[in-house]
Amino acid sequence: MRPFVSFLLFLLPVLGIGQGQNLQFMKESNAFLQDVNGHPLMLRSEYAIEGSPFFHSEYCTAELKVRNGRSYSGIKVKLNLQENLVIYDAGDGKEMVSVTPIERILFTDCNDVSKNTILQSGFPAVDAQTANSFYQLLDSGRLQLLKHIGINYKDIKYYGTNQTTRVFTQKESYYVYSPEKGMRKITNKDNGSVIALLGEHRPELAAYVSSNDLRCKKEEDLLKLVRYYNGLAR
């Protein structure tokens, strides 16, 4: 177990008109640090931790798209999935939490290469998620295949110690999104249920599943089927 860092976020904007001077460690040469409002990340240690609320526990280099339409590259970022917080490295050991809504994160340089992927927010609210919730974008054709990683935790005290341990668990769920039909959760991942959820081109999809021996309970096979559907739906 390692010390758990919980976050106290003081809502005092540090950038923008009427908000006072920029923090001194904000480098003028970095457009992202000049343009994006952020709050200092205030740290307080009070737990031990098991698991993680982060998409990746270490900083990864990323390309970011802000909801105002601007894009930035080469930014060191961590994503707290529990609170949908984009945390960025502002230099000199300073960590900031973005106040400006981030629409899209493309992780390009994570130690775990499986994390080099796209996370996107801005989808309609569904289940416990809001428009600020991030989803992993698995396919982005006419029908978008999305994976949501939900974070749960419980606080426990192990026998023989007075220290509280916060245990994080992650649960994956899958959705498809289209502007016409909105967000739809894939609640049953058997082949027939997924084909029925997709709706169109059922004979072609069934033949594709059979000829390729797909099992939609596996993410890679689910992705193959959605990509095939998107090819048919062009």
Foldseek 3Di string as FASTA:
>chain_A
DAWDKDWDWDPQKQADPPRDHHPPLQDPVAVCSHPFIWTWTDTDTAAAEADAQWPDPAWFWKWWAFPVGDIDGRWTWIARQAVLWIWTDRDPPTIITTPGQIAKIQGCGDPPVVSRFMWGFQAPDDDPDHSSHIWTFLDDFQKTKTKHKYKDWDWDDDPPDPGIYIYIDIDIWMWIAHPVPGIDTQPDQAQVSLLVVVPPPSVVLVVVCVVVVAGRVDVVSVSVSVVVVSVVVD
